[in-house]
Amino acid sequence: MNTPISCEFYDQLMVAIQRKIPSTIVYLENEQSTTMKGVVTELMMIEYEEFLVLKSGKKINLQTIFSFNGKKYKEVSFLHVKKADGTK
C-alpha cells in the first residue's frame, strides 16, 4: 500500500516543474540511497503509482523519494549512499 504524498511535497514538485528549477532528488533504488540532479518536466501515473519525470527521461517513483531540493519528506534508514555517478 502506498503512503499518501504530502501536499507540501506535491506543491514543491509543481513549482519545480512550472519554473523549470534544476532539482536534487534523493531516493531509494535497489535498497540504496541515490542522488539524482535534473529538471523535473512532469508527473505521471504508471500502474496506479505516481512518478516524476526528469528532462533526461528518468522516471522516479514518488514513494521512493525522501529528499527533494534539500527538504526531507521521509525518514529512511539505509546502509549505503550512492550518488548518480556511482561514487559513495
N, C-alpha and C. Protein backbone atom coordinates (compact mmCIF):
# COMPACT_ATOMS: atom_id res chain seq x y z
N MET A 1 0.83 -1.19 0.00
CA MET A 1 0.00 0.00 0.00
C MET A 1 0.88 1.25 0.00
N ASN A 2 0.53 2.21 -0.82
CA ASN A 2 1.30 3.44 -0.92
C ASN A 2 0.94 4.42 0.18
N THR A 3 1.94 5.15 0.63
CA THR A 3 1.74 6.21 1.60
C THR A 3 1.35 7.48 0.84
N PRO A 4 0.33 8.20 1.29
CA PRO A 4 -0.05 9.43 0.59
C PRO A 4 1.11 10.43 0.57
N ILE A 5 1.23 11.14 -0.54
CA ILE A 5 2.25 12.18 -0.70
C ILE A 5 1.74 13.45 -0.01
N SER A 6 2.61 14.10 0.76
CA SER A 6 2.18 15.32 1.46
C SER A 6 1.88 16.43 0.46
N CYS A 7 0.96 17.28 0.83
CA CYS A 7 0.59 18.42 -0.02
C CYS A 7 1.79 19.34 -0.23
N GLU A 8 2.59 19.51 0.81
CA GLU A 8 3.77 20.38 0.72
C GLU A 8 4.76 19.84 -0.32
N PHE A 9 4.98 18.52 -0.31
CA PHE A 9 5.87 17.89 -1.28
C PHE A 9 5.33 18.05 -2.69
N TYR A 10 4.05 17.78 -2.86
CA TYR A 10 3.42 17.90 -4.17
C TYR A 10 3.51 19.34 -4.68
N ASP A 11 3.26 20.31 -3.80
CA ASP A 11 3.36 21.73 -4.19
C ASP A 11 4.77 22.08 -4.63
N GLN A 12 5.78 21.57 -3.91
CA GLN A 12 7.16 21.86 -4.27
C GLN A 12 7.49 21.25 -5.64
N LEU A 13 6.99 20.06 -5.91
CA LEU A 13 7.19 19.44 -7.22
C LEU A 13 6.56 20.28 -8.33
N MET A 14 5.35 20.76 -8.09
CA MET A 14 4.65 21.56 -9.11
C MET A 14 5.39 22.87 -9.39
N VAL A 15 5.91 23.53 -8.36
CA VAL A 15 6.68 24.76 -8.56
C VAL A 15 7.94 24.47 -9.37
N ALA A 16 8.63 23.37 -9.04
CA ALA A 16 9.85 22.99 -9.77
C ALA A 16 9.55 22.73 -11.24
N ILE A 17 8.40 22.10 -11.53
CA ILE A 17 8.01 21.83 -12.91
C ILE A 17 7.69 23.14 -13.64
N GLN A 18 6.87 23.97 -13.04
CA GLN A 18 6.44 25.21 -13.68
C GLN A 18 7.59 26.17 -13.95
N ARG A 19 8.53 26.25 -13.01
CA ARG A 19 9.65 27.20 -13.12
C ARG A 19 10.91 26.57 -13.72
N LYS A 20 10.83 25.27 -14.04
CA LYS A 20 11.97 24.54 -14.61
C LYS A 20 13.22 24.68 -13.74
N ILE A 21 13.03 24.47 -12.45
CA ILE A 21 14.10 24.61 -11.46
C ILE A 21 14.97 23.34 -11.46
N PRO A 22 16.29 23.49 -11.67
CA PRO A 22 17.16 22.33 -11.52
C PRO A 22 17.04 21.79 -10.09
N SER A 23 16.81 20.50 -9.96
CA SER A 23 16.48 19.92 -8.67
C SER A 23 17.41 18.77 -8.31
N THR A 24 17.53 18.54 -7.00
CA THR A 24 18.29 17.41 -6.48
C THR A 24 17.31 16.49 -5.77
N ILE A 25 17.26 15.24 -6.23
CA ILE A 25 16.34 14.26 -5.68
C ILE A 25 17.15 13.13 -5.04
N VAL A 26 16.84 12.80 -3.79
CA VAL A 26 17.47 11.67 -3.12
C VAL A 26 16.38 10.63 -2.92
N TYR A 27 16.63 9.43 -3.41
CA TYR A 27 15.60 8.39 -3.38
C TYR A 27 16.25 7.02 -3.22
N LEU A 28 15.43 6.02 -2.92
CA LEU A 28 15.93 4.65 -2.80
C LEU A 28 15.83 3.95 -4.14
N GLU A 29 16.94 3.31 -4.51
CA GLU A 29 16.98 2.50 -5.72
C GLU A 29 17.81 1.27 -5.41
N ASN A 30 17.23 0.10 -5.56
CA ASN A 30 17.91 -1.16 -5.22
C ASN A 30 18.43 -1.15 -3.78
N GLU A 31 17.59 -0.66 -2.88
CA GLU A 31 17.87 -0.61 -1.44
C GLU A 31 19.05 0.28 -1.07
N GLN A 32 19.43 1.19 -1.96
CA GLN A 32 20.50 2.14 -1.68
C GLN A 32 20.00 3.56 -1.96
N SER A 33 20.53 4.50 -1.20
CA SER A 33 20.21 5.89 -1.42
C SER A 33 20.94 6.37 -2.68
N THR A 34 20.20 6.99 -3.58
CA THR A 34 20.75 7.50 -4.82
C THR A 34 20.40 8.97 -4.95
N THR A 35 21.36 9.78 -5.39
CA THR A 35 21.13 11.20 -5.60
C THR A 35 21.13 11.47 -7.10
N MET A 36 20.08 12.14 -7.58
CA MET A 36 19.95 12.47 -8.99
C MET A 36 19.69 13.96 -9.11
N LYS A 37 20.30 14.60 -10.09
CA LYS A 37 20.06 16.02 -10.35
C LYS A 37 19.47 16.17 -11.73
N GLY A 38 18.51 17.09 -11.86
CA GLY A 38 17.91 17.33 -13.16
C GLY A 38 16.68 18.22 -13.04
N VAL A 39 16.10 18.53 -14.18
CA VAL A 39 14.89 19.35 -14.22
C VAL A 39 13.69 18.42 -14.33
N VAL A 40 12.75 18.57 -13.40
CA VAL A 40 11.53 17.77 -13.42
C VAL A 40 10.59 18.36 -14.47
N THR A 41 10.15 17.53 -15.42
CA THR A 41 9.30 18.03 -16.51
C THR A 41 7.82 17.72 -16.32
N GLU A 42 7.52 16.62 -15.60
CA GLU A 42 6.12 16.26 -15.41
C GLU A 42 5.97 15.20 -14.32
N LEU A 43 4.73 15.00 -13.91
CA LEU A 43 4.35 13.89 -13.04
C LEU A 43 3.46 12.98 -13.86
N MET A 44 3.60 11.69 -13.68
CA MET A 44 2.76 10.76 -14.44
C MET A 44 2.41 9.54 -13.60
N MET A 45 1.30 8.93 -13.94
CA MET A 45 0.85 7.69 -13.29
C MET A 45 1.24 6.51 -14.18
N ILE A 46 1.82 5.50 -13.52
CA ILE A 46 2.13 4.25 -14.19
C ILE A 46 1.63 3.13 -13.29
N GLU A 47 0.63 2.39 -13.75
CA GLU A 47 0.05 1.29 -12.99
C GLU A 47 -0.27 1.70 -11.55
N TYR A 48 -1.00 2.77 -11.40
CA TYR A 48 -1.50 3.27 -10.10
C TYR A 48 -0.42 3.84 -9.19
N GLU A 49 0.76 4.08 -9.70
CA GLU A 49 1.83 4.70 -8.92
C GLU A 49 2.24 5.99 -9.61
N GLU A 50 2.60 7.00 -8.81
CA GLU A 50 2.95 8.30 -9.36
C GLU A 50 4.46 8.46 -9.46
N PHE A 51 4.91 8.94 -10.60
CA PHE A 51 6.33 9.13 -10.88
C PHE A 51 6.59 10.57 -11.29
N LEU A 52 7.80 11.06 -10.96
CA LEU A 52 8.24 12.32 -11.56
C LEU A 52 9.13 11.93 -12.72
N VAL A 53 9.15 12.78 -13.74
CA VAL A 53 9.95 12.52 -14.93
C VAL A 53 10.94 13.67 -15.08
N LEU A 54 12.22 13.31 -15.22
CA LEU A 54 13.26 14.31 -15.42
C LEU A 54 13.42 14.58 -16.91
N LYS A 55 14.02 15.71 -17.22
CA LYS A 55 14.26 16.08 -18.62
C LYS A 55 15.03 15.00 -19.36
N SER A 56 15.89 14.27 -18.64
CA SER A 56 16.67 13.17 -19.23
C SER A 56 15.82 11.97 -19.61
N GLY A 57 14.56 11.95 -19.11
CA GLY A 57 13.68 10.81 -19.34
C GLY A 57 13.61 9.86 -18.16
N LYS A 58 14.49 10.03 -17.19
CA LYS A 58 14.50 9.18 -15.98
C LYS A 58 13.19 9.35 -15.23
N LYS A 59 12.58 8.23 -14.83
CA LYS A 59 11.34 8.24 -14.05
C LYS A 59 11.66 7.76 -12.64
N ILE A 60 11.18 8.53 -11.63
CA ILE A 60 11.42 8.18 -10.23
C ILE A 60 10.08 8.10 -9.51
N ASN A 61 9.83 6.95 -8.89
CA ASN A 61 8.58 6.75 -8.15
C ASN A 61 8.56 7.69 -6.95
N LEU A 62 7.48 8.45 -6.79
CA LEU A 62 7.38 9.40 -5.68
C LEU A 62 7.46 8.70 -4.33
N GLN A 63 7.05 7.44 -4.26
CA GLN A 63 7.10 6.70 -3.00
C GLN A 63 8.53 6.42 -2.54
N THR A 64 9.50 6.49 -3.46
CA THR A 64 10.89 6.19 -3.11
C THR A 64 11.69 7.44 -2.74
N ILE A 65 11.12 8.63 -2.97
CA ILE A 65 11.84 9.88 -2.71
C ILE A 65 11.75 10.24 -1.24
N PHE A 66 12.90 10.54 -0.64
CA PHE A 66 12.85 11.01 0.74
C PHE A 66 13.45 12.39 0.91
N SER A 67 14.05 12.97 -0.14
CA SER A 67 14.54 14.34 -0.06
C SER A 67 14.43 14.97 -1.45
N PHE A 68 13.90 16.19 -1.49
CA PHE A 68 13.76 16.92 -2.74
C PHE A 68 14.27 18.33 -2.50
N ASN A 69 15.31 18.72 -3.23
CA ASN A 69 15.95 20.03 -3.08
C ASN A 69 16.31 20.34 -1.63
N GLY A 70 16.84 19.34 -0.94
CA GLY A 70 17.33 19.51 0.42
C GLY A 70 16.30 19.38 1.51
N LYS A 71 15.03 19.25 1.16
CA LYS A 71 13.98 19.12 2.17
C LYS A 71 13.59 17.65 2.31
N LYS A 72 13.69 17.12 3.52
CA LYS A 72 13.33 15.72 3.77
C LYS A 72 11.82 15.57 3.88
N TYR A 73 11.32 14.52 3.22
CA TYR A 73 9.89 14.21 3.27
C TYR A 73 9.61 12.87 3.93
N LYS A 74 10.65 12.05 4.09
CA LYS A 74 10.50 10.74 4.72
C LYS A 74 11.78 10.45 5.49
N GLU A 75 11.64 9.66 6.53
CA GLU A 75 12.80 9.15 7.24
C GLU A 75 13.07 7.75 6.70
N VAL A 76 14.27 7.54 6.22
CA VAL A 76 14.63 6.25 5.65
C VAL A 76 15.97 5.84 6.22
N SER A 77 16.06 4.61 6.68
CA SER A 77 17.35 4.11 7.14
C SER A 77 17.97 3.29 6.02
N PHE A 78 19.24 3.50 5.79
CA PHE A 78 19.94 2.78 4.74
C PHE A 78 21.40 2.63 5.12
N LEU A 79 22.06 1.67 4.52
CA LEU A 79 23.46 1.40 4.84
C LEU A 79 24.41 2.05 3.86
N HIS A 80 24.05 2.15 2.60
CA HIS A 80 24.96 2.64 1.59
C HIS A 80 24.37 3.86 0.89
N VAL A 81 25.21 4.86 0.68
CA VAL A 81 24.80 6.04 -0.06
C VAL A 81 25.56 6.03 -1.38
N LYS A 82 24.81 6.13 -2.47
CA LYS A 82 25.43 6.11 -3.79
C LYS A 82 24.93 7.32 -4.57
N LYS A 83 25.84 8.07 -5.16
CA LYS A 83 25.46 9.20 -6.00
C LYS A 83 25.16 8.71 -7.40
N ALA A 84 24.55 9.56 -8.21
CA ALA A 84 24.17 9.18 -9.57
C ALA A 84 25.39 8.75 -10.39
N ASP A 85 26.58 9.29 -10.09
CA ASP A 85 27.77 8.92 -10.84
C ASP A 85 28.42 7.63 -10.35
N GLY A 86 27.81 6.96 -9.34
CA GLY A 86 28.29 5.69 -8.84
C GLY A 86 29.23 5.79 -7.66
N THR A 87 29.63 7.01 -7.28
CA THR A 87 30.52 7.17 -6.13
C THR A 87 29.73 7.12 -4.84
N LYS A 88 30.42 6.84 -3.74
CA LYS A 88 29.76 6.80 -2.43
C LYS A 88 30.07 8.04 -1.64
